[in-house]
């Protein structure tokens, strides 16, 4: 009997990486300095930096984000990272609310992808698809958005389309073990066992601690 697996929700890993790299003013448009010049928002930026450095999901980290937002409500970076904290805790409604507020303040690919991730976790497949499409429009080389769309198509039952997105993601990020694993899952669904085994072996080569791949 063929084993059944679902694509791994790789987006949690992507969110974790983004949350530690986001900082006040990083990646901001230098021509849009009206907020960064504000002394209150500069202070909020210091609190954001402290929260990211803490990074343990604690109440202290949450309070730092909240304090930053009380000083500078339009700080999308703080709102986004607060959403990541809620996402990791499994508080999906609050995570979605924070991501929506971040997106409303600043239209960035990371924020759209985050909305896609939390929508998937909530079972809102169509909403997730729209968010990942927005992320891809803003950042065409985003392997994360392509992986997200692959998960969307897998949830819709379209294995061929999921494979297509995963192959595109692999072109952008060839050493991503999770993409190789998910591609192996999809090949196994189609009973392409040689191709599936090859992708599982690639996963192990890239990440020999990947427990799921060792189970194949």
N, C-alpha and C. Protein backbone atom coordinates (compact mmCIF):
# COMPACT_ATOMS: atom_id res chain seq x y z
N UNK A 1 0.85 -1.20 0.00
CA UNK A 1 0.00 0.00 0.00
C UNK A 1 0.88 1.25 0.00
N UNK A 2 0.54 2.17 -0.86
CA UNK A 2 1.36 3.38 -0.97
C UNK A 2 1.19 4.25 0.27
N UNK A 3 2.31 4.75 0.75
CA UNK A 3 2.28 5.62 1.92
C UNK A 3 1.76 7.00 1.53
N UNK A 4 1.15 7.67 2.47
CA UNK A 4 0.60 9.00 2.21
C UNK A 4 1.31 10.04 3.08
N UNK A 5 1.78 11.07 2.43
CA UNK A 5 2.41 12.18 3.14
C UNK A 5 1.81 13.47 2.62
N UNK A 6 1.95 14.51 3.39
CA UNK A 6 1.61 15.85 2.93
C UNK A 6 2.88 16.67 2.84
N UNK A 7 2.84 17.67 1.99
CA UNK A 7 3.99 18.56 1.91
C UNK A 7 4.23 19.20 3.27
N UNK A 8 5.48 19.29 3.64
CA UNK A 8 5.83 19.93 4.90
C UNK A 8 5.54 21.42 4.81
N UNK A 9 5.02 21.97 5.87
CA UNK A 9 4.76 23.43 5.91
C UNK A 9 6.10 24.15 6.11
N UNK A 10 6.84 24.27 5.01
CA UNK A 10 8.18 24.82 5.08
C UNK A 10 8.18 26.29 5.47
N UNK A 11 7.03 26.93 5.38
CA UNK A 11 7.00 28.37 5.58
C UNK A 11 7.30 28.79 7.00
N UNK A 12 7.10 27.89 7.95
CA UNK A 12 7.48 28.23 9.32
C UNK A 12 8.97 28.51 9.39
N UNK A 13 9.76 27.70 8.69
CA UNK A 13 11.20 27.91 8.68
C UNK A 13 11.55 29.23 8.00
N UNK A 14 10.84 29.55 6.94
CA UNK A 14 11.09 30.80 6.24
C UNK A 14 10.78 31.99 7.14
N UNK A 15 9.67 31.91 7.85
CA UNK A 15 9.30 33.00 8.74
C UNK A 15 10.34 33.20 9.83
N UNK A 16 10.86 32.10 10.35
CA UNK A 16 11.87 32.21 11.40
C UNK A 16 13.10 32.94 10.89
N UNK A 17 13.52 32.61 9.67
CA UNK A 17 14.70 33.25 9.11
C UNK A 17 14.46 34.73 8.87
N UNK A 18 13.28 35.06 8.37
CA UNK A 18 12.96 36.46 8.10
C UNK A 18 12.92 37.26 9.38
N UNK A 19 12.36 36.68 10.43
CA UNK A 19 12.18 37.45 11.66
C UNK A 19 13.50 37.86 12.28
N UNK A 20 14.55 37.06 12.10
CA UNK A 20 15.83 37.42 12.69
C UNK A 20 16.63 38.35 11.80
N UNK A 21 16.23 38.49 10.54
CA UNK A 21 16.97 39.38 9.65
C UNK A 21 16.31 40.73 9.49
N UNK A 22 15.04 40.84 9.92
CA UNK A 22 14.35 42.11 9.79
C UNK A 22 14.81 43.05 10.90
N UNK A 23 15.09 44.26 10.54
CA UNK A 23 15.44 45.26 11.53
C UNK A 23 14.87 46.60 11.10
N UNK A 24 14.76 47.51 12.03
CA UNK A 24 14.19 48.81 11.70
C UNK A 24 15.07 49.51 10.69
N UNK A 25 14.48 49.79 9.51
CA UNK A 25 15.21 50.49 8.47
C UNK A 25 15.90 49.57 7.49
N UNK A 26 16.04 48.26 7.78
CA UNK A 26 16.68 47.36 6.85
C UNK A 26 15.79 47.19 5.63
N UNK A 27 16.38 47.36 4.47
CA UNK A 27 15.64 47.17 3.24
C UNK A 27 14.65 48.27 2.95
N UNK A 28 14.66 49.34 3.73
CA UNK A 28 13.70 50.41 3.52
C UNK A 28 14.13 51.29 2.36
N UNK A 29 13.17 51.91 1.74
CA UNK A 29 13.43 52.85 0.66
C UNK A 29 14.04 54.11 1.26
N UNK A 30 15.26 54.43 0.83
CA UNK A 30 15.96 55.58 1.42
C UNK A 30 15.24 56.88 1.14
N UNK A 31 14.41 56.91 0.11
CA UNK A 31 13.68 58.14 -0.20
C UNK A 31 12.48 58.34 0.70
N UNK A 32 12.10 57.28 1.40
CA UNK A 32 10.94 57.36 2.29
C UNK A 32 11.44 57.39 3.72
N UNK A 33 11.92 58.54 4.16
CA UNK A 33 12.57 58.63 5.47
C UNK A 33 11.75 59.39 6.49
N UNK A 34 10.47 59.66 6.16
CA UNK A 34 9.66 60.47 7.06
C UNK A 34 9.47 59.81 8.41
N UNK A 35 9.34 58.46 8.41
CA UNK A 35 9.14 57.76 9.68
C UNK A 35 10.45 57.62 10.42
N UNK A 36 11.54 57.26 9.69
CA UNK A 36 12.81 57.01 10.35
C UNK A 36 13.37 58.27 10.98
N UNK A 37 12.99 59.45 10.47
CA UNK A 37 13.48 60.70 11.05
C UNK A 37 12.75 61.06 12.33
N UNK A 38 11.64 60.45 12.55
CA UNK A 38 10.88 60.75 13.75
C UNK A 38 11.58 60.16 14.96
N UNK A 39 11.82 60.98 15.96
CA UNK A 39 12.59 60.52 17.12
C UNK A 39 11.89 59.40 17.87
N UNK A 40 10.56 59.46 17.93
CA UNK A 40 9.83 58.40 18.63
C UNK A 40 10.00 57.07 17.92
N UNK A 41 9.92 57.11 16.60
CA UNK A 41 10.06 55.86 15.85
C UNK A 41 11.50 55.35 15.89
N UNK A 42 12.45 56.25 16.04
CA UNK A 42 13.83 55.79 16.22
C UNK A 42 13.97 55.04 17.54
N UNK A 43 13.31 55.54 18.57
CA UNK A 43 13.31 54.84 19.86
C UNK A 43 12.62 53.49 19.71
N UNK A 44 11.52 53.46 18.97
CA UNK A 44 10.81 52.21 18.73
C UNK A 44 11.71 51.22 17.99
N UNK A 45 12.54 51.75 17.09
CA UNK A 45 13.47 50.90 16.37
C UNK A 45 14.48 50.23 17.29
N UNK A 46 14.89 50.95 18.32
CA UNK A 46 15.81 50.37 19.30
C UNK A 46 15.13 49.22 20.05
N UNK A 47 13.86 49.41 20.37
CA UNK A 47 13.11 48.35 21.06
C UNK A 47 12.94 47.13 20.15
N UNK A 48 12.70 47.39 18.87
CA UNK A 48 12.58 46.30 17.90
C UNK A 48 13.87 45.49 17.84
N UNK A 49 14.99 46.18 17.80
CA UNK A 49 16.29 45.50 17.76
C UNK A 49 16.48 44.63 19.00
N UNK A 50 16.09 45.15 20.16
CA UNK A 50 16.20 44.38 21.40
C UNK A 50 15.32 43.13 21.36
N UNK A 51 14.11 43.29 20.83
CA UNK A 51 13.18 42.16 20.76
C UNK A 51 13.72 41.07 19.85
N UNK A 52 14.25 41.47 18.68
CA UNK A 52 14.80 40.50 17.74
C UNK A 52 16.00 39.78 18.35
N UNK A 53 16.84 40.53 19.07
CA UNK A 53 18.00 39.92 19.72
C UNK A 53 17.57 38.92 20.78
N UNK A 54 16.46 39.20 21.46
CA UNK A 54 15.95 38.28 22.48
C UNK A 54 15.47 37.00 21.79
N UNK A 55 14.55 37.14 20.86
CA UNK A 55 14.17 36.06 19.96
C UNK A 55 13.78 34.73 20.57
N UNK A 56 13.27 34.74 21.80
CA UNK A 56 12.95 33.48 22.46
C UNK A 56 11.45 33.22 22.57
N UNK A 57 10.65 34.08 21.96
CA UNK A 57 9.21 33.89 22.00
C UNK A 57 8.58 34.17 23.35
N UNK A 58 9.32 34.80 24.22
CA UNK A 58 8.86 35.04 25.58
C UNK A 58 7.91 36.22 25.66
N UNK A 59 7.31 36.37 26.83
CA UNK A 59 6.46 37.54 27.08
C UNK A 59 7.28 38.82 26.99
N UNK A 60 8.55 38.74 27.38
CA UNK A 60 9.42 39.91 27.32
C UNK A 60 9.61 40.36 25.87
N UNK A 61 9.82 39.39 24.97
CA UNK A 61 9.96 39.74 23.55
C UNK A 61 8.67 40.36 23.03
N UNK A 62 7.55 39.74 23.35
CA UNK A 62 6.26 40.27 22.92
C UNK A 62 6.04 41.69 23.42
N UNK A 63 6.39 41.93 24.68
CA UNK A 63 6.19 43.26 25.25
C UNK A 63 7.05 44.32 24.57
N UNK A 64 8.24 43.93 24.14
CA UNK A 64 9.10 44.88 23.43
C UNK A 64 8.48 45.27 22.09
N UNK A 65 7.92 44.29 21.38
CA UNK A 65 7.25 44.61 20.11
C UNK A 65 6.05 45.53 20.37
N UNK A 66 5.29 45.20 21.40
CA UNK A 66 4.10 45.99 21.69
C UNK A 66 4.46 47.42 22.11
N UNK A 67 5.52 47.54 22.87
CA UNK A 67 5.96 48.87 23.28
C UNK A 67 6.43 49.68 22.08
N UNK A 68 7.15 49.02 21.18
CA UNK A 68 7.61 49.69 19.96
C UNK A 68 6.42 50.18 19.15
N UNK A 69 5.38 49.36 19.05
CA UNK A 69 4.20 49.73 18.28
C UNK A 69 3.37 50.80 18.97
N UNK A 70 3.41 50.84 20.28
CA UNK A 70 2.69 51.90 20.99
C UNK A 70 3.34 53.26 20.74
N UNK A 71 4.66 53.24 20.52
CA UNK A 71 5.40 54.47 20.23
C UNK A 71 5.28 54.85 18.76
N UNK A 72 5.36 53.83 17.91
CA UNK A 72 5.36 54.05 16.45
C UNK A 72 4.43 53.03 15.79
N UNK A 73 3.13 53.29 15.78
CA UNK A 73 2.14 52.31 15.29
C UNK A 73 2.34 51.89 13.84
N UNK A 74 2.99 52.74 13.03
CA UNK A 74 3.15 52.43 11.62
C UNK A 74 4.38 51.58 11.33
N UNK A 75 5.07 51.10 12.36
CA UNK A 75 6.29 50.32 12.15
C UNK A 75 5.94 48.90 11.71
N UNK A 76 5.97 48.68 10.41
CA UNK A 76 5.58 47.39 9.85
C UNK A 76 6.49 46.26 10.33
N UNK A 77 7.78 46.55 10.50
CA UNK A 77 8.73 45.52 10.92
C UNK A 77 8.36 44.95 12.29
N UNK A 78 7.98 45.81 13.21
CA UNK A 78 7.60 45.35 14.54
C UNK A 78 6.31 44.53 14.48
N UNK A 79 5.37 44.99 13.68
CA UNK A 79 4.10 44.28 13.54
C UNK A 79 4.32 42.90 12.93
N UNK A 80 5.19 42.85 11.93
CA UNK A 80 5.50 41.57 11.28
C UNK A 80 6.13 40.59 12.26
N UNK A 81 7.15 41.05 12.97
CA UNK A 81 7.85 40.15 13.89
C UNK A 81 6.97 39.71 15.05
N UNK A 82 6.04 40.57 15.45
CA UNK A 82 5.06 40.17 16.45
C UNK A 82 4.19 39.04 15.89
N UNK A 83 3.84 39.15 14.61
CA UNK A 83 3.08 38.08 13.97
C UNK A 83 3.85 36.77 13.93
N UNK A 84 5.16 36.85 13.66
CA UNK A 84 5.99 35.65 13.66
C UNK A 84 5.98 34.99 15.04
N UNK A 85 6.07 35.81 16.07
CA UNK A 85 6.04 35.28 17.43
C UNK A 85 4.73 34.53 17.69
N UNK A 86 3.61 35.13 17.30
CA UNK A 86 2.31 34.47 17.49
C UNK A 86 2.22 33.20 16.65
N UNK A 87 2.77 33.25 15.43
CA UNK A 87 2.73 32.08 14.55
C UNK A 87 3.46 30.91 15.20
N UNK A 88 4.62 31.18 15.76
CA UNK A 88 5.40 30.12 16.41
C UNK A 88 4.67 29.56 17.62
N UNK A 89 3.91 30.40 18.29
CA UNK A 89 3.14 29.95 19.45
C UNK A 89 1.91 29.15 19.05
N UNK A 90 1.54 29.24 17.79
CA UNK A 90 0.32 28.58 17.33
C UNK A 90 -0.92 29.43 17.48
N UNK A 91 -0.74 30.70 17.79
CA UNK A 91 -1.86 31.63 17.91
C UNK A 91 -2.11 32.23 16.52
N UNK A 92 -2.76 31.45 15.67
CA UNK A 92 -2.88 31.82 14.26
C UNK A 92 -3.75 33.05 14.01
N UNK A 93 -4.89 33.22 14.69
CA UNK A 93 -5.69 34.43 14.44
C UNK A 93 -4.92 35.72 14.74
N UNK A 94 -4.18 35.74 15.84
CA UNK A 94 -3.42 36.94 16.17
C UNK A 94 -2.25 37.12 15.22
N UNK A 95 -1.66 36.01 14.78
CA UNK A 95 -0.58 36.10 13.80
C UNK A 95 -1.10 36.71 12.51
N UNK A 96 -2.26 36.25 12.06
CA UNK A 96 -2.83 36.77 10.83
C UNK A 96 -3.13 38.26 10.95
N UNK A 97 -3.68 38.66 12.08
CA UNK A 97 -3.99 40.07 12.30
C UNK A 97 -2.72 40.93 12.21
N UNK A 98 -1.64 40.46 12.84
CA UNK A 98 -0.39 41.21 12.81
C UNK A 98 0.19 41.29 11.41
N UNK A 99 0.14 40.18 10.67
CA UNK A 99 0.65 40.19 9.30
C UNK A 99 -0.17 41.12 8.41
N UNK A 100 -1.48 41.14 8.62
CA UNK A 100 -2.34 42.03 7.83
C UNK A 100 -2.00 43.49 8.11
N UNK A 101 -1.74 43.81 9.37
CA UNK A 101 -1.38 45.19 9.73
C UNK A 101 -0.02 45.57 9.15
N UNK A 102 0.92 44.61 9.16
CA UNK A 102 2.23 44.86 8.57
C UNK A 102 2.09 45.13 7.07
N UNK A 103 1.29 44.31 6.41
CA UNK A 103 1.07 44.47 4.97
C UNK A 103 0.39 45.80 4.66
N UNK A 104 -0.54 46.21 5.51
CA UNK A 104 -1.24 47.48 5.30
C UNK A 104 -0.27 48.66 5.40
N UNK A 105 0.76 48.51 6.24
CA UNK A 105 1.73 49.59 6.42
C UNK A 105 2.79 49.60 5.33
N UNK A 106 3.15 48.41 4.85
CA UNK A 106 4.22 48.32 3.86
C UNK A 106 4.03 47.05 3.02
N UNK A 107 3.90 47.21 1.72
CA UNK A 107 3.68 46.06 0.84
C UNK A 107 5.02 45.42 0.48
N UNK A 108 5.40 44.41 1.23
CA UNK A 108 6.64 43.69 0.98
C UNK A 108 6.35 42.20 0.78
N UNK A 109 7.22 41.56 0.01
CA UNK A 109 7.02 40.15 -0.32
C UNK A 109 6.99 39.28 0.93
N UNK A 110 7.85 39.57 1.90
CA UNK A 110 7.88 38.77 3.13
C UNK A 110 6.54 38.81 3.85
N UNK A 111 5.91 39.96 3.85
CA UNK A 111 4.64 40.10 4.56
C UNK A 111 3.53 39.35 3.84
N UNK A 112 3.53 39.41 2.51
CA UNK A 112 2.54 38.68 1.74
C UNK A 112 2.72 37.17 1.92
N UNK A 113 3.98 36.71 1.91
CA UNK A 113 4.25 35.29 2.10
C UNK A 113 3.83 34.83 3.50
N UNK A 114 4.03 35.70 4.48
CA UNK A 114 3.61 35.37 5.84
C UNK A 114 2.10 35.20 5.91
N UNK A 115 1.38 36.10 5.24
CA UNK A 115 -0.08 35.96 5.19
C UNK A 115 -0.48 34.66 4.51
N UNK A 116 0.25 34.29 3.47
CA UNK A 116 -0.03 33.02 2.81
C UNK A 116 0.20 31.84 3.73
N UNK A 117 1.27 31.91 4.50
CA UNK A 117 1.60 30.83 5.42
C UNK A 117 0.53 30.63 6.48
N UNK A 118 0.12 31.74 7.10
CA UNK A 118 -0.87 31.62 8.16
C UNK A 118 -2.24 31.24 7.59
N UNK A 119 -2.53 31.68 6.38
CA UNK A 119 -3.80 31.30 5.75
C UNK A 119 -3.83 29.79 5.48
N UNK A 120 -2.69 29.24 5.04
CA UNK A 120 -2.61 27.79 4.85
C UNK A 120 -2.84 27.06 6.16
N UNK A 121 -2.21 27.56 7.21
CA UNK A 121 -2.35 26.92 8.52
C UNK A 121 -3.78 26.96 9.01
N UNK A 122 -4.52 27.98 8.59
CA UNK A 122 -5.93 28.12 8.98
C UNK A 122 -6.87 27.40 8.02
N UNK A 123 -6.30 26.77 6.99
CA UNK A 123 -7.12 26.06 6.02
C UNK A 123 -7.75 26.94 4.97
N UNK A 124 -7.28 28.18 4.86
CA UNK A 124 -7.84 29.14 3.90
C UNK A 124 -6.98 29.10 2.63
N UNK A 125 -7.20 28.08 1.82
CA UNK A 125 -6.32 27.81 0.68
C UNK A 125 -6.38 28.90 -0.37
N UNK A 126 -7.57 29.37 -0.71
CA UNK A 126 -7.69 30.40 -1.74
C UNK A 126 -7.03 31.71 -1.30
N UNK A 127 -7.21 32.07 -0.05
CA UNK A 127 -6.57 33.28 0.48
C UNK A 127 -5.06 33.12 0.46
N UNK A 128 -4.59 31.93 0.80
CA UNK A 128 -3.15 31.67 0.78
C UNK A 128 -2.59 31.83 -0.62
N UNK A 129 -3.31 31.30 -1.60
CA UNK A 129 -2.86 31.39 -2.99
C UNK A 129 -2.71 32.85 -3.41
N UNK A 130 -3.67 33.68 -3.08
CA UNK A 130 -3.61 35.10 -3.45
C UNK A 130 -2.41 35.79 -2.80
N UNK A 131 -2.15 35.45 -1.55
CA UNK A 131 -1.03 36.07 -0.84
C UNK A 131 0.31 35.66 -1.44
N UNK A 132 0.46 34.37 -1.76
CA UNK A 132 1.72 33.92 -2.36
C UNK A 132 1.91 34.52 -3.75
N UNK A 133 0.82 34.71 -4.48
CA UNK A 133 0.92 35.35 -5.80
C UNK A 133 1.39 36.80 -5.64
N UNK A 134 0.90 37.48 -4.63
CA UNK A 134 1.36 38.85 -4.37
C UNK A 134 2.85 38.86 -4.03
N UNK A 135 3.27 37.90 -3.21
CA UNK A 135 4.69 37.82 -2.84
C UNK A 135 5.55 37.58 -4.06
N UNK A 136 5.09 36.70 -4.94
CA UNK A 136 5.85 36.37 -6.14
C UNK A 136 5.90 37.55 -7.11
N UNK A 137 4.82 38.32 -7.17
CA UNK A 137 4.81 39.50 -8.03
C UNK A 137 5.83 40.53 -7.55
N UNK A 138 5.98 40.64 -6.24
CA UNK A 138 6.93 41.59 -5.67
C UNK A 138 8.36 41.07 -5.73
N UNK A 139 8.51 39.75 -5.63
CA UNK A 139 9.85 39.14 -5.61
C UNK A 139 9.81 37.87 -6.47
N UNK A 140 10.00 38.01 -7.78
CA UNK A 140 9.87 36.87 -8.70
C UNK A 140 10.81 35.71 -8.41
N UNK A 141 11.92 35.96 -7.73
CA UNK A 141 12.88 34.90 -7.43
C UNK A 141 12.66 34.25 -6.07
N UNK A 142 11.51 34.50 -5.48
CA UNK A 142 11.24 33.98 -4.14
C UNK A 142 10.94 32.48 -4.16
N UNK A 143 11.91 31.69 -3.71
CA UNK A 143 11.69 30.24 -3.61
C UNK A 143 10.61 29.95 -2.58
N UNK A 144 10.53 30.78 -1.54
CA UNK A 144 9.53 30.57 -0.50
C UNK A 144 8.11 30.72 -1.03
N UNK A 145 7.88 31.75 -1.85
CA UNK A 145 6.55 31.94 -2.43
C UNK A 145 6.20 30.80 -3.37
N UNK A 146 7.18 30.32 -4.13
CA UNK A 146 6.94 29.19 -5.03
C UNK A 146 6.62 27.92 -4.24
N UNK A 147 7.32 27.71 -3.14
CA UNK A 147 7.01 26.55 -2.29
C UNK A 147 5.61 26.68 -1.71
N UNK A 148 5.26 27.90 -1.32
CA UNK A 148 3.92 28.12 -0.79
C UNK A 148 2.85 27.78 -1.81
N UNK A 149 3.06 28.18 -3.06
CA UNK A 149 2.10 27.87 -4.11
C UNK A 149 2.06 26.36 -4.39
N UNK A 150 3.20 25.70 -4.22
CA UNK A 150 3.21 24.23 -4.36
C UNK A 150 2.34 23.58 -3.30
N UNK A 151 2.43 24.08 -2.07
CA UNK A 151 1.59 23.54 -0.99
C UNK A 151 0.12 23.79 -1.29
N UNK A 152 -0.17 24.99 -1.81
CA UNK A 152 -1.55 25.32 -2.17
C UNK A 152 -2.09 24.31 -3.18
N UNK A 153 -1.31 24.04 -4.23
CA UNK A 153 -1.78 23.11 -5.27
C UNK A 153 -1.88 21.68 -4.73
N UNK A 154 -0.98 21.32 -3.83
CA UNK A 154 -1.09 19.99 -3.21
C UNK A 154 -2.38 19.87 -2.42
N UNK A 155 -2.74 20.93 -1.70
CA UNK A 155 -3.98 20.91 -0.93
C UNK A 155 -5.19 20.86 -1.85
N UNK A 156 -5.06 21.40 -3.04
CA UNK A 156 -6.15 21.37 -4.01
C UNK A 156 -6.20 20.04 -4.78
N UNK A 157 -5.19 19.21 -4.56
CA UNK A 157 -5.17 17.91 -5.22
C UNK A 157 -4.52 17.90 -6.58
N UNK A 158 -3.84 18.99 -6.95
CA UNK A 158 -3.20 19.07 -8.26
C UNK A 158 -1.71 18.78 -8.11
N UNK A 159 -1.35 17.50 -8.17
CA UNK A 159 0.03 17.09 -7.96
C UNK A 159 0.95 17.63 -9.05
N UNK A 160 0.49 17.61 -10.29
CA UNK A 160 1.32 18.08 -11.39
C UNK A 160 1.70 19.55 -11.22
N UNK A 161 0.73 20.36 -10.82
CA UNK A 161 1.01 21.79 -10.64
C UNK A 161 1.93 22.00 -9.44
N UNK A 162 1.75 21.20 -8.39
CA UNK A 162 2.63 21.29 -7.23
C UNK A 162 4.07 20.98 -7.63
N UNK A 163 4.25 19.95 -8.43
CA UNK A 163 5.59 19.59 -8.90
C UNK A 163 6.19 20.71 -9.74
N UNK A 164 5.37 21.32 -10.58
CA UNK A 164 5.84 22.42 -11.42
C UNK A 164 6.38 23.57 -10.56
N UNK A 165 5.64 23.93 -9.52
CA UNK A 165 6.09 25.01 -8.64
C UNK A 165 7.35 24.61 -7.87
N UNK A 166 7.42 23.36 -7.44
CA UNK A 166 8.60 22.91 -6.70
C UNK A 166 9.85 22.91 -7.58
N UNK A 167 9.69 22.54 -8.84
CA UNK A 167 10.83 22.58 -9.76
C UNK A 167 11.31 24.01 -9.96
N UNK A 168 10.37 24.94 -10.06
CA UNK A 168 10.75 26.35 -10.19
C UNK A 168 11.46 26.83 -8.92
N UNK A 169 10.95 26.40 -7.76
CA UNK A 169 11.58 26.78 -6.50
C UNK A 169 13.00 26.22 -6.42
N UNK A 170 13.18 25.00 -6.93
CA UNK A 170 14.49 24.36 -6.89
C UNK A 170 15.49 25.10 -7.78
N UNK A 171 15.01 25.67 -8.87
CA UNK A 171 15.87 26.48 -9.73
C UNK A 171 16.39 27.71 -8.97
N UNK A 172 15.55 28.26 -8.12
CA UNK A 172 15.94 29.45 -7.35
C UNK A 172 16.81 29.09 -6.15
N UNK A 173 16.58 27.91 -5.59
CA UNK A 173 17.29 27.51 -4.38
C UNK A 173 17.65 26.03 -4.46
N UNK A 174 18.66 25.67 -5.27
CA UNK A 174 18.97 24.26 -5.54
C UNK A 174 19.47 23.46 -4.34
N UNK A 175 19.95 24.13 -3.31
CA UNK A 175 20.48 23.42 -2.15
C UNK A 175 19.51 23.41 -0.97
N UNK A 176 18.26 23.67 -1.25
CA UNK A 176 17.23 23.66 -0.20
C UNK A 176 16.72 22.24 -0.02
N UNK A 177 17.08 21.62 1.10
CA UNK A 177 16.73 20.21 1.32
C UNK A 177 15.22 20.00 1.40
N UNK A 178 14.51 20.99 1.90
CA UNK A 178 13.07 20.85 2.05
C UNK A 178 12.35 20.80 0.70
N UNK A 179 12.85 21.56 -0.26
CA UNK A 179 12.26 21.51 -1.60
C UNK A 179 12.48 20.12 -2.20
N UNK A 180 13.69 19.58 -2.03
CA UNK A 180 13.97 18.24 -2.54
C UNK A 180 13.05 17.21 -1.89
N UNK A 181 12.86 17.34 -0.58
CA UNK A 181 11.99 16.39 0.11
C UNK A 181 10.56 16.48 -0.41
N UNK A 182 10.04 17.70 -0.51
CA UNK A 182 8.66 17.87 -0.98
C UNK A 182 8.49 17.36 -2.40
N UNK A 183 9.51 17.56 -3.22
CA UNK A 183 9.45 17.04 -4.59
C UNK A 183 9.42 15.51 -4.57
N UNK A 184 10.18 14.92 -3.65
CA UNK A 184 10.14 13.46 -3.49
C UNK A 184 8.76 12.97 -3.10
N UNK A 185 8.11 13.70 -2.20
CA UNK A 185 6.75 13.34 -1.79
C UNK A 185 5.81 13.35 -2.99
N UNK A 186 5.92 14.38 -3.81
CA UNK A 186 5.03 14.49 -4.96
C UNK A 186 5.30 13.40 -6.00
N UNK A 187 6.58 13.08 -6.21
CA UNK A 187 6.90 12.00 -7.14
C UNK A 187 6.35 10.67 -6.62
N UNK A 188 6.44 10.47 -5.31
CA UNK A 188 5.92 9.22 -4.74
C UNK A 188 4.41 9.15 -4.92
N UNK A 189 3.74 10.29 -4.81
CA UNK A 189 2.29 10.32 -5.04
C UNK A 189 1.95 9.84 -6.45
N UNK A 190 2.84 10.14 -7.39
CA UNK A 190 2.61 9.75 -8.78
C UNK A 190 3.22 8.39 -9.11
N UNK A 191 3.70 7.71 -8.08
CA UNK A 191 4.30 6.38 -8.22
C UNK A 191 5.57 6.41 -9.08
N UNK A 192 6.25 7.55 -9.09
CA UNK A 192 7.53 7.68 -9.77
C UNK A 192 8.62 7.43 -8.73
N UNK A 193 8.81 6.16 -8.42
CA UNK A 193 9.61 5.80 -7.25
C UNK A 193 11.10 6.09 -7.43
N UNK A 194 11.60 5.93 -8.64
CA UNK A 194 13.03 6.23 -8.86
C UNK A 194 13.31 7.71 -8.65
N UNK A 195 12.43 8.55 -9.20
CA UNK A 195 12.59 10.00 -9.03
C UNK A 195 12.42 10.40 -7.57
N UNK A 196 11.45 9.76 -6.90
CA UNK A 196 11.22 10.06 -5.49
C UNK A 196 12.44 9.70 -4.65
N UNK A 197 12.99 8.51 -4.89
CA UNK A 197 14.16 8.07 -4.14
C UNK A 197 15.34 9.01 -4.36
N UNK A 198 15.50 9.46 -5.59
CA UNK A 198 16.59 10.39 -5.90
C UNK A 198 16.45 11.68 -5.10
N UNK A 199 15.22 12.19 -5.00
CA UNK A 199 15.01 13.43 -4.25
C UNK A 199 15.19 13.22 -2.75
N UNK A 200 14.78 12.06 -2.24
CA UNK A 200 15.00 11.78 -0.82
C UNK A 200 16.50 11.67 -0.52
N UNK A 201 17.24 11.06 -1.44
CA UNK A 201 18.69 10.96 -1.26
C UNK A 201 19.34 12.34 -1.31
N UNK A 202 18.85 13.19 -2.20
CA UNK A 202 19.35 14.57 -2.24
C UNK A 202 19.08 15.28 -0.92
N UNK A 203 17.91 15.02 -0.36
CA UNK A 203 17.56 15.63 0.93
C UNK A 203 18.55 15.22 2.01
N UNK A 204 18.86 13.94 2.06
CA UNK A 204 19.77 13.43 3.08
C UNK A 204 21.18 13.97 2.88
N UNK A 205 21.60 14.10 1.63
CA UNK A 205 22.93 14.65 1.35
C UNK A 205 23.04 16.09 1.84
N UNK A 206 21.97 16.84 1.65
CA UNK A 206 21.98 18.25 2.04
C UNK A 206 21.71 18.45 3.52
N UNK A 207 20.95 17.52 4.11
CA UNK A 207 20.58 17.67 5.52
C UNK A 207 20.35 16.28 6.10
N UNK A 208 21.43 15.66 6.59
CA UNK A 208 21.32 14.28 7.06
C UNK A 208 20.55 14.16 8.37
N UNK A 209 20.16 15.29 8.93
CA UNK A 209 19.35 15.25 10.16
C UNK A 209 17.86 15.34 9.86
N UNK A 210 17.51 15.39 8.57
CA UNK A 210 16.10 15.50 8.21
C UNK A 210 15.39 14.18 8.52
N UNK A 211 14.68 14.15 9.61
CA UNK A 211 14.05 12.93 10.11
C UNK A 211 13.06 12.36 9.11
N UNK A 212 12.25 13.23 8.51
CA UNK A 212 11.22 12.75 7.59
C UNK A 212 11.83 12.02 6.40
N UNK A 213 12.93 12.54 5.88
CA UNK A 213 13.55 11.92 4.72
C UNK A 213 14.09 10.53 5.08
N UNK A 214 14.64 10.37 6.27
CA UNK A 214 15.17 9.07 6.68
C UNK A 214 14.08 8.03 6.85
N UNK A 215 12.83 8.47 7.00
CA UNK A 215 11.73 7.53 7.16
C UNK A 215 11.31 6.90 5.84
N UNK A 216 11.73 7.47 4.71
CA UNK A 216 11.24 6.98 3.42
C UNK A 216 11.78 5.58 3.14
